[in-house]
Each structure stands twice: as structure tokens, then as C-alpha cells.
Amino acid sequence: MTEKPGPGRMLGALGWVVTGCVIAAAVAGLVISGGPGRARQEHADEQRVSDLGQIETRIQAFYANRHRLPVDGKEAFSMFGPERTTDPETKRPYEYRVVDKTHFELCATFDLDYKADRSDYYGGDWDAEYGSDFSLHKAGHQCFTLPAKGAN
């Protein structure tokens, strides 16, 4: 005679199935999101975009007040208090160069392409409001040539 499984065995099997589903969902979540390493890279790139935007704003103010661009990175970054002028990961200074009397360049090295897995990577209105395109970066070293505001 065959014994029928009792409620205890069925609940035990159901528990294992539920546990397996929870583990599978957690693993799938890590795979889809890229895990903690990817999150760290995204955060660092977001900080770089923010830093470059702050630097650009200060350089524009410098130009508006002095009718010239800072001569070099030392002069450009000397007007900063505690704001970031260095990469959050490498701790190396961002690059600043004068292109001509009315244009300058800001450079940074990004971990990820802004289009990677997202259509609106940073989701802000910074570009529309301020006209910069820092958030539209590619992975790797990238320079942005910007006009001094008020320049012809």
C-alpha cells in the first residue's frame, strides 16, 4: 500500500519551491542591475557630470566678471571652495584647457556610456536649462568644448 503525502511534506516541498523562487529573483535582479560594481560606476559617472557642471558654472562666472577665461586649470580651480575638482574614483584633477579667447574645454574619464541600458541615463533637465552635454558622455576619456557665455 502506498502512503499519500501528508500536509507536512507538501508544505515542506512548497517551502523549497518558494525559497528557490526568491533566490532566482535575487540573482536575476543582480544580473539585470549589473550588481554593486555597476552601481558604483553609475554613481561615479553621475558625480563626474555634476562636478563638470559646477566647474562650467564657475568658469562662466569668472568670464562674466573678468571678461577672460582662466589661464589654466590652477587658476580655473582656485576659485573653488570644497566643490569637487577631482575625479571621485581616481582622485586626479579634471582637465581644463583654453581653446581660444571665447572657448574652453573640460575633460573627464567616464566608466560607462550614458546610453548603456537606459534611454535617460541621468534624467535631469540640466542640458535643456544650461546647454551643456556632460550627461551625453561615452565610456572613456572625453572632452567637452564649451563657449564662454556672452562670447560672440
C-alpha atoms as a PDB file:
ATOM      1  CA  MET A   1       0.000   0.000   0.000  1.00  0.00           C
ATOM      2  CA  THR A   2       1.344   3.490  -0.963  1.00  0.00           C
ATOM      3  CA  GLU A   3       1.214   6.277   1.560  1.00  0.00           C
ATOM      4  CA  LYS A   4      -0.225   9.606   0.489  1.00  0.00           C
ATOM      5  CA  PRO A   5       1.964  12.588   1.200  1.00  0.00           C
ATOM      6  CA  GLY A   6       0.747  14.403   4.262  1.00  0.00           C
ATOM      7  CA  PRO A   7       0.287  18.151   4.603  1.00  0.00           C
ATOM      8  CA  GLY A   8       3.681  18.496   6.305  1.00  0.00           C
ATOM      9  CA  ARG A   9       5.556  17.049   3.314  1.00  0.00           C
ATOM     10  CA  MET A  10       3.594  19.186   0.858  1.00  0.00           C
ATOM     11  CA  LEU A  11       4.289  22.345   2.873  1.00  0.00           C
ATOM     12  CA  GLY A  12       7.966  21.418   3.079  1.00  0.00           C
ATOM     13  CA  ALA A  13       8.155  20.986  -0.707  1.00  0.00           C
ATOM     14  CA  LEU A  14       6.271  24.250  -1.209  1.00  0.00           C
ATOM     15  CA  GLY A  15       8.754  25.984   1.095  1.00  0.00           C
ATOM     16  CA  TRP A  16      11.676  24.774  -1.024  1.00  0.00           C
ATOM     17  CA  VAL A  17       9.945  25.969  -4.208  1.00  0.00           C
ATOM     18  CA  VAL A  18       9.310  29.412  -2.695  1.00  0.00           C
ATOM     19  CA  THR A  19      12.917  29.612  -1.441  1.00  0.00           C
ATOM     20  CA  GLY A  20      14.167  28.682  -4.896  1.00  0.00           C
ATOM     21  CA  CYS A  21      11.998  31.382  -6.485  1.00  0.00           C
ATOM     22  CA  VAL A  22      13.280  34.018  -4.054  1.00  0.00           C
ATOM     23  CA  ILE A  23      16.903  33.083  -4.766  1.00  0.00           C
ATOM     24  CA  ALA A  24      16.263  33.086  -8.525  1.00  0.00           C
ATOM     25  CA  ALA A  25      14.631  36.532  -8.298  1.00  0.00           C
ATOM     26  CA  ALA A  26      17.575  37.911  -6.307  1.00  0.00           C
ATOM     27  CA  VAL A  27      20.092  36.554  -8.818  1.00  0.00           C
ATOM     28  CA  ALA A  28      18.028  37.902 -11.734  1.00  0.00           C
ATOM     29  CA  GLY A  29      17.898  41.311 -10.050  1.00  0.00           C
ATOM     30  CA  LEU A  30      21.670  41.413  -9.706  1.00  0.00           C
ATOM     31  CA  VAL A  31      22.149  40.345 -13.325  1.00  0.00           C
ATOM     32  CA  ILE A  32      19.701  42.943 -14.630  1.00  0.00           C
ATOM     33  CA  SER A  33      21.023  45.806 -12.498  1.00  0.00           C
ATOM     34  CA  GLY A  34      24.655  44.895 -13.015  1.00  0.00           C
ATOM     35  CA  GLY A  35      25.304  44.448  -9.325  1.00  0.00           C
ATOM     36  CA  PRO A  36      27.172  46.667  -6.898  1.00  0.00           C
ATOM     37  CA  GLY A  37      30.086  47.260  -9.276  1.00  0.00           C
ATOM     38  CA  ARG A  38      27.807  48.704 -11.926  1.00  0.00           C
ATOM     39  CA  ALA A  39      26.007  50.844  -9.349  1.00  0.00           C
ATOM     40  CA  ARG A  40      29.371  52.242  -8.187  1.00  0.00           C
ATOM     41  CA  GLN A  41      30.297  53.105 -11.799  1.00  0.00           C
ATOM     42  CA  GLU A  42      26.932  54.795 -12.400  1.00  0.00           C
ATOM     43  CA  HIS A  43      27.293  56.824  -9.205  1.00  0.00           C
ATOM     44  CA  ALA A  44      30.842  57.894 -10.102  1.00  0.00           C
ATOM     45  CA  ASP A  45      29.721  58.975 -13.587  1.00  0.00           C
ATOM     46  CA  GLU A  46      26.808  60.928 -12.102  1.00  0.00           C
ATOM     47  CA  GLN A  47      29.273  62.689  -9.786  1.00  0.00           C
ATOM     48  CA  ARG A  48      31.547  63.495 -12.744  1.00  0.00           C
ATOM     49  CA  VAL A  49      28.617  65.021 -14.668  1.00  0.00           C
ATOM     50  CA  SER A  50      27.656  67.094 -11.617  1.00  0.00           C
ATOM     51  CA  ASP A  51      31.251  68.194 -10.999  1.00  0.00           C
ATOM     52  CA  LEU A  52      31.758  69.296 -14.614  1.00  0.00           C
ATOM     53  CA  GLY A  53      28.508  71.255 -14.470  1.00  0.00           C
ATOM     54  CA  GLN A  54      29.630  73.086 -11.332  1.00  0.00           C
ATOM     55  CA  ILE A  55      33.043  73.788 -12.830  1.00  0.00           C
ATOM     56  CA  GLU A  56      31.455  75.133 -16.020  1.00  0.00           C
ATOM     57  CA  THR A  57      29.166  77.427 -13.995  1.00  0.00           C
ATOM     58  CA  ARG A  58      32.115  78.864 -12.075  1.00  0.00           C
ATOM     59  CA  ILE A  59      34.183  79.350 -15.239  1.00  0.00           C
ATOM     60  CA  GLN A  60      31.229  81.144 -16.852  1.00  0.00           C
ATOM     61  CA  ALA A  61      31.003  83.432 -13.805  1.00  0.00           C
ATOM     62  CA  PHE A  62      34.760  84.063 -13.988  1.00  0.00           C
ATOM     63  CA  TYR A  63      34.413  85.013 -17.654  1.00  0.00           C
ATOM     64  CA  ALA A  64      31.423  87.283 -16.992  1.00  0.00           C
ATOM     65  CA  ASN A  65      33.296  89.132 -14.214  1.00  0.00           C
ATOM     66  CA  ARG A  66      36.769  89.354 -15.734  1.00  0.00           C
ATOM     67  CA  HIS A  67      35.985  89.239 -19.460  1.00  0.00           C
ATOM     68  CA  ARG A  68      38.518  86.495 -19.955  1.00  0.00           C
ATOM     69  CA  LEU A  69      38.847  82.788 -19.325  1.00  0.00           C
ATOM     70  CA  PRO A  70      41.064  81.363 -16.586  1.00  0.00           C
ATOM     71  CA  VAL A  71      44.554  80.834 -17.992  1.00  0.00           C
ATOM     72  CA  ASP A  72      44.946  77.241 -16.809  1.00  0.00           C
ATOM     73  CA  GLY A  73      43.497  74.583 -14.532  1.00  0.00           C
ATOM     74  CA  LYS A  74      45.206  76.029 -11.485  1.00  0.00           C
ATOM     75  CA  GLU A  75      43.501  79.397 -11.969  1.00  0.00           C
ATOM     76  CA  ALA A  76      40.206  77.777 -13.024  1.00  0.00           C
ATOM     77  CA  PHE A  77      40.050  75.536  -9.958  1.00  0.00           C
ATOM     78  CA  SER A  78      41.472  78.054  -7.450  1.00  0.00           C
ATOM     79  CA  MET A  79      38.076  79.768  -7.226  1.00  0.00           C
ATOM     80  CA  PHE A  80      36.502  76.639  -5.736  1.00  0.00           C
ATOM     81  CA  GLY A  81      35.862  76.010  -2.101  1.00  0.00           C
ATOM     82  CA  PRO A  82      35.010  72.457  -1.123  1.00  0.00           C
ATOM     83  CA  GLU A  83      33.465  71.657  -4.536  1.00  0.00           C
ATOM     84  CA  ARG A  84      34.948  68.753  -6.354  1.00  0.00           C
ATOM     85  CA  THR A  85      37.614  69.415  -8.947  1.00  0.00           C
ATOM     86  CA  THR A  86      38.943  65.858  -8.962  1.00  0.00           C
ATOM     87  CA  ASP A  87      37.599  62.569 -10.245  1.00  0.00           C
ATOM     88  CA  PRO A  88      35.706  60.704  -7.488  1.00  0.00           C
ATOM     89  CA  GLU A  89      37.481  57.416  -8.226  1.00  0.00           C
ATOM     90  CA  THR A  90      40.988  58.259  -9.426  1.00  0.00           C
ATOM     91  CA  LYS A  91      41.328  61.500  -7.410  1.00  0.00           C
ATOM     92  CA  ARG A  92      43.076  63.053 -10.434  1.00  0.00           C
ATOM     93  CA  PRO A  93      42.054  66.625 -11.313  1.00  0.00           C
ATOM     94  CA  TYR A  94      39.602  67.157 -14.139  1.00  0.00           C
ATOM     95  CA  GLU A  95      41.219  68.718 -17.189  1.00  0.00           C
ATOM     96  CA  TYR A  96      40.676  72.335 -18.185  1.00  0.00           C
ATOM     97  CA  ARG A  97      42.138  73.937 -21.296  1.00  0.00           C
ATOM     98  CA  VAL A  98      41.633  77.222 -23.089  1.00  0.00           C
ATOM     99  CA  VAL A  99      40.803  76.561 -26.758  1.00  0.00           C
ATOM    100  CA  ASP A 100      40.707  80.228 -27.798  1.00  0.00           C
ATOM    101  CA  LYS A 101      39.626  83.549 -26.266  1.00  0.00           C
ATOM    102  CA  THR A 102      35.976  82.502 -26.074  1.00  0.00           C
ATOM    103  CA  HIS A 103      36.044  78.702 -25.806  1.00  0.00           C
ATOM    104  CA  PHE A 104      37.334  76.274 -23.213  1.00  0.00           C
ATOM    105  CA  GLU A 105      37.462  72.547 -22.756  1.00  0.00           C
ATOM    106  CA  LEU A 106      36.617  70.373 -19.765  1.00  0.00           C
ATOM    107  CA  CYS A 107      37.629  66.715 -19.774  1.00  0.00           C
ATOM    108  CA  ALA A 108      36.893  63.659 -17.634  1.00  0.00           C
ATOM    109  CA  THR A 109      37.125  59.895 -17.927  1.00  0.00           C
ATOM    110  CA  PHE A 110      33.783  58.100 -17.608  1.00  0.00           C
ATOM    111  CA  ASP A 111      33.195  54.472 -16.704  1.00  0.00           C
ATOM    112  CA  LEU A 112      30.053  53.894 -18.765  1.00  0.00           C
ATOM    113  CA  ASP A 113      28.369  55.039 -21.956  1.00  0.00           C
ATOM    114  CA  TYR A 114      25.365  57.161 -20.973  1.00  0.00           C
ATOM    115  CA  LYS A 115      23.140  55.097 -23.287  1.00  0.00           C
ATOM    116  CA  ALA A 116      24.055  51.806 -21.605  1.00  0.00           C
ATOM    117  CA  ASP A 117      20.786  50.131 -20.641  1.00  0.00           C
ATOM    118  CA  ARG A 118      18.935  53.438 -20.219  1.00  0.00           C
ATOM    119  CA  SER A 119      17.388  55.974 -22.525  1.00  0.00           C
ATOM    120  CA  ASP A 120      17.510  58.823 -19.965  1.00  0.00           C
ATOM    121  CA  TYR A 121      20.618  57.894 -18.008  1.00  0.00           C
ATOM    122  CA  TYR A 122      20.687  60.897 -15.701  1.00  0.00           C
ATOM    123  CA  GLY A 123      17.100  62.025 -16.186  1.00  0.00           C
ATOM    124  CA  GLY A 124      17.638  65.701 -15.476  1.00  0.00           C
ATOM    125  CA  ASP A 125      16.907  68.923 -17.313  1.00  0.00           C
ATOM    126  CA  TRP A 126      20.488  70.179 -16.950  1.00  0.00           C
ATOM    127  CA  ASP A 127      21.119  70.042 -20.706  1.00  0.00           C
ATOM    128  CA  ALA A 128      17.944  71.902 -21.637  1.00  0.00           C
ATOM    129  CA  GLU A 129      18.453  74.555 -18.971  1.00  0.00           C
ATOM    130  CA  TYR A 130      22.191  75.130 -19.184  1.00  0.00           C
ATOM    131  CA  GLY A 131      23.077  73.949 -22.671  1.00  0.00           C
ATOM    132  CA  SER A 132      25.883  71.581 -21.696  1.00  0.00           C
ATOM    133  CA  ASP A 133      26.051  67.969 -22.730  1.00  0.00           C
ATOM    134  CA  PHE A 134      28.116  66.369 -19.981  1.00  0.00           C
ATOM    135  CA  SER A 135      25.469  63.728 -19.372  1.00  0.00           C
ATOM    136  CA  LEU A 136      25.709  62.632 -23.018  1.00  0.00           C
ATOM    137  CA  HIS A 137      29.152  61.124 -22.480  1.00  0.00           C
ATOM    138  CA  LYS A 138      30.661  57.950 -23.853  1.00  0.00           C
ATOM    139  CA  ALA A 139      32.714  55.495 -21.822  1.00  0.00           C
ATOM    140  CA  GLY A 140      36.356  56.525 -21.557  1.00  0.00           C
ATOM    141  CA  HIS A 141      38.140  59.866 -21.766  1.00  0.00           C
ATOM    142  CA  GLN A 142      36.011  62.639 -23.190  1.00  0.00           C
ATOM    143  CA  CYS A 143      36.458  66.378 -23.637  1.00  0.00           C
ATOM    144  CA  PHE A 144      33.687  68.947 -23.993  1.00  0.00           C
ATOM    145  CA  THR A 145      34.372  72.210 -25.835  1.00  0.00           C
ATOM    146  CA  LEU A 146      32.210  74.986 -24.427  1.00  0.00           C
ATOM    147  CA  PRO A 147      31.660  78.619 -25.384  1.00  0.00           C
ATOM    148  CA  ALA A 148      32.125  81.311 -22.775  1.00  0.00           C
ATOM    149  CA  LYS A 149      28.681  82.818 -22.138  1.00  0.00           C
ATOM    150  CA  GLY A 150      28.327  86.221 -23.727  1.00  0.00           C
ATOM    151  CA  ALA A 151      31.038  85.428 -26.274  1.00  0.00           C
ATOM    152  CA  ASN A 152      30.213  86.098 -29.922  1.00  0.00           C
END
